[in-house]
């Protein structure tokens, strides 16, 4: 018969434990802050070029 091997992924799954509630809250707050920073950076970096083009276009029409 074939020799059975240990499945390392099952061993990893067995060693998982629930994170403490305080740590979960801190991680979720850090993720929310990072997402806010990314959204703000996207707002100013992506739309800045378009806004400047529109500004100079309207200044040139006067």
PDB file of N, CA and C in Angstrom:
ATOM      1  N   UNK A   1       0.837  -1.189   0.000  1.00  0.00           N
ATOM      2  CA  UNK A   1       0.000   0.000   0.000  1.00  0.00           C
ATOM      3  C   UNK A   1       0.877   1.244   0.000  1.00  0.00           C
ATOM      4  N   UNK A   2       0.295   2.315  -0.473  1.00  0.00           N
ATOM      5  CA  UNK A   2       1.017   3.576  -0.523  1.00  0.00           C
ATOM      6  C   UNK A   2       1.185   4.146   0.878  1.00  0.00           C
ATOM      7  N   UNK A   3       2.338   4.680   1.096  1.00  0.00           N
ATOM      8  CA  UNK A   3       2.623   5.275   2.394  1.00  0.00           C
ATOM      9  C   UNK A   3       1.911   6.623   2.491  1.00  0.00           C
ATOM     10  N   UNK A   4       1.204   6.852   3.594  1.00  0.00           N
ATOM     11  CA  UNK A   4       0.471   8.108   3.750  1.00  0.00           C
ATOM     12  C   UNK A   4       1.410   9.176   4.305  1.00  0.00           C
ATOM     13  N   UNK A   5       1.332  10.365   3.694  1.00  0.00           N
ATOM     14  CA  UNK A   5       2.159  11.488   4.123  1.00  0.00           C
ATOM     15  C   UNK A   5       1.306  12.461   4.929  1.00  0.00           C
ATOM     16  N   UNK A   6       1.976  13.166   5.818  1.00  0.00           N
ATOM     17  CA  UNK A   6       1.281  14.203   6.580  1.00  0.00           C
ATOM     18  C   UNK A   6       1.005  15.395   5.656  1.00  0.00           C
ATOM     19  N   UNK A   7      -0.167  15.947   5.801  1.00  0.00           N
ATOM     20  CA  UNK A   7      -0.533  17.119   5.024  1.00  0.00           C
ATOM     21  C   UNK A   7      -0.129  18.358   5.819  1.00  0.00           C
ATOM     22  N   UNK A   8       0.857  19.119   5.348  1.00  0.00           N
ATOM     23  CA  UNK A   8       1.317  20.278   6.120  1.00  0.00           C
ATOM     24  C   UNK A   8       0.245  21.362   6.246  1.00  0.00           C
ATOM     25  N   UNK A   9      -0.666  21.430   5.292  1.00  0.00           N
ATOM     26  CA  UNK A   9      -1.706  22.447   5.364  1.00  0.00           C
ATOM     27  C   UNK A   9      -2.702  22.148   6.480  1.00  0.00           C
ATOM     28  N   UNK A  10      -2.972  20.892   6.705  1.00  0.00           N
ATOM     29  CA  UNK A  10      -3.858  20.524   7.822  1.00  0.00           C
ATOM     30  C   UNK A  10      -3.191  20.835   9.147  1.00  0.00           C
ATOM     31  N   UNK A  11      -1.867  20.674   9.216  1.00  0.00           N
ATOM     32  CA  UNK A  11      -1.151  21.021  10.433  1.00  0.00           C
ATOM     33  C   UNK A  11      -1.210  22.524  10.683  1.00  0.00           C
ATOM     34  N   UNK A  12      -1.089  23.327   9.628  1.00  0.00           N
ATOM     35  CA  UNK A  12      -1.193  24.775   9.774  1.00  0.00           C
ATOM     36  C   UNK A  12      -2.580  25.177  10.251  1.00  0.00           C
ATOM     37  N   UNK A  13      -3.593  24.551   9.688  1.00  0.00           N
ATOM     38  CA  UNK A  13      -4.967  24.873  10.056  1.00  0.00           C
ATOM     39  C   UNK A  13      -5.231  24.533  11.521  1.00  0.00           C
ATOM     40  N   UNK A  14      -4.670  23.469  11.991  1.00  0.00           N
ATOM     41  CA  UNK A  14      -4.881  23.051  13.373  1.00  0.00           C
ATOM     42  C   UNK A  14      -4.224  24.016  14.354  1.00  0.00           C
ATOM     43  N   UNK A  15      -3.162  24.712  13.914  1.00  0.00           N
ATOM     44  CA  UNK A  15      -2.457  25.615  14.821  1.00  0.00           C
ATOM     45  C   UNK A  15      -3.055  27.015  14.857  1.00  0.00           C
ATOM     46  N   UNK A  16      -4.080  27.296  14.048  1.00  0.00           N
ATOM     47  CA  UNK A  16      -4.698  28.622  14.037  1.00  0.00           C
ATOM     48  C   UNK A  16      -5.482  28.863  15.316  1.00  0.00           C
ATOM     49  N   UNK A  17      -5.360  30.068  15.827  1.00  0.00           N
ATOM     50  CA  UNK A  17      -6.122  30.472  17.006  1.00  0.00           C
ATOM     51  C   UNK A  17      -6.796  31.802  16.721  1.00  0.00           C
ATOM     52  N   UNK A  18      -7.834  32.095  17.466  1.00  0.00           N
ATOM     53  CA  UNK A  18      -8.556  33.354  17.325  1.00  0.00           C
ATOM     54  C   UNK A  18      -7.689  34.488  17.871  1.00  0.00           C
ATOM     55  N   UNK A  19      -7.671  35.608  17.150  1.00  0.00           N
ATOM     56  CA  UNK A  19      -6.910  36.772  17.608  1.00  0.00           C
ATOM     57  C   UNK A  19      -7.661  37.465  18.738  1.00  0.00           C
ATOM     58  N   UNK A  20      -6.937  38.090  19.640  1.00  0.00           N
ATOM     59  CA  UNK A  20      -7.606  38.824  20.723  1.00  0.00           C
ATOM     60  C   UNK A  20      -8.447  39.969  20.160  1.00  0.00           C
ATOM     61  N   UNK A  21      -9.586  40.278  20.792  1.00  0.00           N
ATOM     62  CA  UNK A  21     -10.468  41.337  20.270  1.00  0.00           C
ATOM     63  C   UNK A  21      -9.776  42.688  20.139  1.00  0.00           C
ATOM     64  N   UNK A  22      -8.908  43.036  21.062  1.00  0.00           N
ATOM     65  CA  UNK A  22      -8.199  44.312  20.986  1.00  0.00           C
ATOM     66  C   UNK A  22      -7.303  44.395  19.766  1.00  0.00           C
ATOM     67  N   UNK A  23      -6.649  43.285  19.451  1.00  0.00           N
ATOM     68  CA  UNK A  23      -5.763  43.257  18.288  1.00  0.00           C
ATOM     69  C   UNK A  23      -6.578  43.330  16.996  1.00  0.00           C
ATOM     70  N   UNK A  24      -7.715  42.639  16.961  1.00  0.00           N
ATOM     71  CA  UNK A  24      -8.580  42.686  15.782  1.00  0.00           C
ATOM     72  C   UNK A  24      -9.021  44.119  15.504  1.00  0.00           C
ATOM     73  N   UNK A  25      -9.433  44.820  16.576  1.00  0.00           N
ATOM     74  CA  UNK A  25      -9.907  46.193  16.418  1.00  0.00           C
ATOM     75  C   UNK A  25      -8.785  47.096  15.910  1.00  0.00           C
ATOM     76  N   UNK A  26      -7.574  46.919  16.453  1.00  0.00           N
ATOM     77  CA  UNK A  26      -6.448  47.737  16.025  1.00  0.00           C
ATOM     78  C   UNK A  26      -6.120  47.495  14.552  1.00  0.00           C
ATOM     79  N   UNK A  27      -6.120  46.246  14.143  1.00  0.00           N
ATOM     80  CA  UNK A  27      -5.816  45.911  12.749  1.00  0.00           C
ATOM     81  C   UNK A  27      -6.877  46.504  11.817  1.00  0.00           C
ATOM     82  N   UNK A  28      -8.143  46.385  12.196  1.00  0.00           N
ATOM     83  CA  UNK A  28      -9.211  46.926  11.354  1.00  0.00           C
ATOM     84  C   UNK A  28      -9.128  48.452  11.268  1.00  0.00           C
ATOM     85  N   UNK A  29      -8.765  49.115  12.367  1.00  0.00           N
ATOM     86  CA  UNK A  29      -8.589  50.572  12.341  1.00  0.00           C
ATOM     87  C   UNK A  29      -7.409  50.969  11.457  1.00  0.00           C
ATOM     88  N   UNK A  30      -6.321  50.201  11.526  1.00  0.00           N
ATOM     89  CA  UNK A  30      -5.157  50.481  10.687  1.00  0.00           C
ATOM     90  C   UNK A  30      -5.496  50.307   9.206  1.00  0.00           C
ATOM     91  N   UNK A  31      -6.268  49.284   8.894  1.00  0.00           N
ATOM     92  CA  UNK A  31      -6.672  49.051   7.510  1.00  0.00           C
ATOM     93  C   UNK A  31      -7.571  50.186   7.019  1.00  0.00           C
ATOM     94  N   UNK A  32      -8.488  50.629   7.859  1.00  0.00           N
ATOM     95  CA  UNK A  32      -9.377  51.732   7.487  1.00  0.00           C
ATOM     96  C   UNK A  32      -8.585  53.009   7.249  1.00  0.00           C
ATOM     97  N   UNK A  33      -7.595  53.280   8.097  1.00  0.00           N
ATOM     98  CA  UNK A  33      -6.767  54.476   7.927  1.00  0.00           C
ATOM     99  C   UNK A  33      -5.954  54.389   6.631  1.00  0.00           C
ATOM    100  N   UNK A  34      -5.400  53.219   6.345  1.00  0.00           N
ATOM    101  CA  UNK A  34      -4.620  53.047   5.116  1.00  0.00           C
ATOM    102  C   UNK A  34      -5.504  53.224   3.891  1.00  0.00           C
ATOM    103  N   UNK A  35      -6.726  52.700   3.943  1.00  0.00           N
ATOM    104  CA  UNK A  35      -7.653  52.851   2.815  1.00  0.00           C
ATOM    105  C   UNK A  35      -8.019  54.313   2.615  1.00  0.00           C
ATOM    106  N   UNK A  36      -8.233  55.047   3.702  1.00  0.00           N
ATOM    107  CA  UNK A  36      -8.543  56.472   3.605  1.00  0.00           C
ATOM    108  C   UNK A  36      -7.391  57.237   2.967  1.00  0.00           C
ATOM    109  N   UNK A  37      -6.171  56.933   3.388  1.00  0.00           N
ATOM    110  CA  UNK A  37      -4.996  57.600   2.818  1.00  0.00           C
ATOM    111  C   UNK A  37      -4.869  57.287   1.335  1.00  0.00           C
ATOM    112  N   UNK A  38      -5.093  56.029   0.957  1.00  0.00           N
ATOM    113  CA  UNK A  38      -5.015  55.651  -0.456  1.00  0.00           C
ATOM    114  C   UNK A  38      -6.085  56.363  -1.275  1.00  0.00           C
ATOM    115  N   UNK A  39      -7.302  56.467  -0.734  1.00  0.00           N
ATOM    116  CA  UNK A  39      -8.374  57.155  -1.445  1.00  0.00           C
ATOM    117  C   UNK A  39      -8.073  58.640  -1.612  1.00  0.00           C
ATOM    118  N   UNK A  40      -7.549  59.250  -0.554  1.00  0.00           N
ATOM    119  CA  UNK A  40      -7.207  60.675  -0.638  1.00  0.00           C
ATOM    120  C   UNK A  40      -6.080  60.897  -1.648  1.00  0.00           C
ATOM    121  N   UNK A  41      -5.073  60.039  -1.629  1.00  0.00           N
ATOM    122  CA  UNK A  41      -3.965  60.163  -2.577  1.00  0.00           C
ATOM    123  C   UNK A  41      -4.462  59.985  -4.004  1.00  0.00           C
ATOM    124  N   UNK A  42      -5.357  59.053  -4.200  1.00  0.00           N
ATOM    125  CA  UNK A  42      -5.918  58.830  -5.527  1.00  0.00           C
ATOM    126  C   UNK A  42      -6.717  60.042  -5.982  1.00  0.00           C
ATOM    127  N   UNK A  43      -7.473  60.612  -5.081  1.00  0.00           N
ATOM    128  CA  UNK A  43      -8.284  61.776  -5.419  1.00  0.00           C
ATOM    129  C   UNK A  43      -7.421  62.928  -5.891  1.00  0.00           C
ATOM    130  N   UNK A  44      -6.318  63.190  -5.196  1.00  0.00           N
ATOM    131  CA  UNK A  44      -5.485  64.326  -5.551  1.00  0.00           C
ATOM    132  C   UNK A  44      -4.520  64.029  -6.689  1.00  0.00           C
ATOM    133  N   UNK A  45      -4.071  62.817  -6.834  1.00  0.00           N
ATOM    134  CA  UNK A  45      -3.080  62.541  -7.869  1.00  0.00           C
ATOM    135  C   UNK A  45      -3.720  62.263  -9.225  1.00  0.00           C
ATOM    136  N   UNK A  46      -4.800  61.543  -9.253  1.00  0.00           N
ATOM    137  CA  UNK A  46      -5.424  61.192 -10.537  1.00  0.00           C
ATOM    138  C   UNK A  46      -6.183  62.382 -11.114  1.00  0.00           C
ATOM    139  N   UNK A  47      -6.933  63.082 -10.294  1.00  0.00           N
ATOM    140  CA  UNK A  47      -7.782  64.157 -10.789  1.00  0.00           C
ATOM    141  C   UNK A  47      -7.044  65.483 -10.899  1.00  0.00           C
ATOM    142  N   UNK A  48      -5.850  65.588 -10.375  1.00  0.00           N
ATOM    143  CA  UNK A  48      -5.112  66.840 -10.409  1.00  0.00           C
ATOM    144  C   UNK A  48      -4.781  67.249 -11.840  1.00  0.00           C
ATOM    145  N   UNK A  49      -4.320  66.316 -12.647  1.00  0.00           N
ATOM    146  CA  UNK A  49      -3.981  66.629 -14.038  1.00  0.00           C
ATOM    147  C   UNK A  49      -5.189  67.106 -14.817  1.00  0.00           C
ATOM    148  N   UNK A  50      -6.296  66.455 -14.641  1.00  0.00           N
ATOM    149  CA  UNK A  50      -7.519  66.852 -15.322  1.00  0.00           C
ATOM    150  C   UNK A  50      -7.968  68.237 -14.874  1.00  0.00           C
ATOM    151  N   UNK A  51      -7.891  68.502 -13.587  1.00  0.00           N
ATOM    152  CA  UNK A  51      -8.294  69.807 -13.064  1.00  0.00           C
ATOM    153  C   UNK A  51      -7.399  70.913 -13.604  1.00  0.00           C
ATOM    154  N   UNK A  52      -6.093  70.656 -13.672  1.00  0.00           N
ATOM    155  CA  UNK A  52      -5.178  71.671 -14.205  1.00  0.00           C
ATOM    156  C   UNK A  52      -5.430  71.934 -15.682  1.00  0.00           C
ATOM    157  N   UNK A  53      -5.684  70.889 -16.452  1.00  0.00           N
ATOM    158  CA  UNK A  53      -5.981  71.077 -17.873  1.00  0.00           C
ATOM    159  C   UNK A  53      -7.226  71.931 -18.061  1.00  0.00           C
ATOM    160  N   UNK A  54      -8.265  71.665 -17.277  1.00  0.00           N
ATOM    161  CA  UNK A  54      -9.496  72.447 -17.365  1.00  0.00           C
ATOM    162  C   UNK A  54      -9.255  73.884 -16.946  1.00  0.00           C
ATOM    163  N   UNK A  55      -8.425  74.099 -15.921  1.00  0.00           N
ATOM    164  CA  UNK A  55      -8.119  75.439 -15.447  1.00  0.00           C
ATOM    165  C   UNK A  55      -7.421  76.238 -16.531  1.00  0.00           C
ATOM    166  N   UNK A  56      -6.392  75.659 -17.146  1.00  0.00           N
ATOM    167  CA  UNK A  56      -5.654  76.386 -18.177  1.00  0.00           C
ATOM    168  C   UNK A  56      -6.488  76.570 -19.434  1.00  0.00           C
ATOM    169  N   UNK A  57      -7.375  75.643 -19.731  1.00  0.00           N
ATOM    170  CA  UNK A  57      -8.253  75.783 -20.884  1.00  0.00           C
ATOM    171  C   UNK A  57      -9.192  76.970 -20.676  1.00  0.00           C
ATOM    172  N   UNK A  58      -9.752  77.107 -19.478  1.00  0.00           N
ATOM    173  CA  UNK A  58     -10.678  78.206 -19.236  1.00  0.00           C
ATOM    174  C   UNK A  58      -9.931  79.537 -19.141  1.00  0.00           C
ATOM    175  N   UNK A  59      -8.693  79.548 -18.647  1.00  0.00           N
ATOM    176  CA  UNK A  59      -7.913  80.785 -18.601  1.00  0.00           C
ATOM    177  C   UNK A  59      -7.537  81.245 -20.005  1.00  0.00           C
ATOM    178  N   UNK A  60      -7.274  80.323 -20.891  1.00  0.00           N
ATOM    179  CA  UNK A  60      -6.904  80.666 -22.261  1.00  0.00           C
ATOM    180  C   UNK A  60      -8.070  81.186 -23.080  1.00  0.00           C
ATOM    181  N   UNK A  61      -9.286  80.870 -22.709  1.00  0.00           N
ATOM    182  CA  UNK A  61     -10.466  81.291 -23.453  1.00  0.00           C
ATOM    183  C   UNK A  61     -10.829  82.737 -23.145  1.00  0.00           C
ATOM    184  N   UNK A  62     -10.344  83.301 -22.036  1.00  0.00           N
ATOM    185  CA  UNK A  62     -10.690  84.679 -21.660  1.00  0.00           C
ATOM    186  C   UNK A  62      -9.913  85.680 -22.453  1.00  0.00           C
TER     187      UNK A  62
END
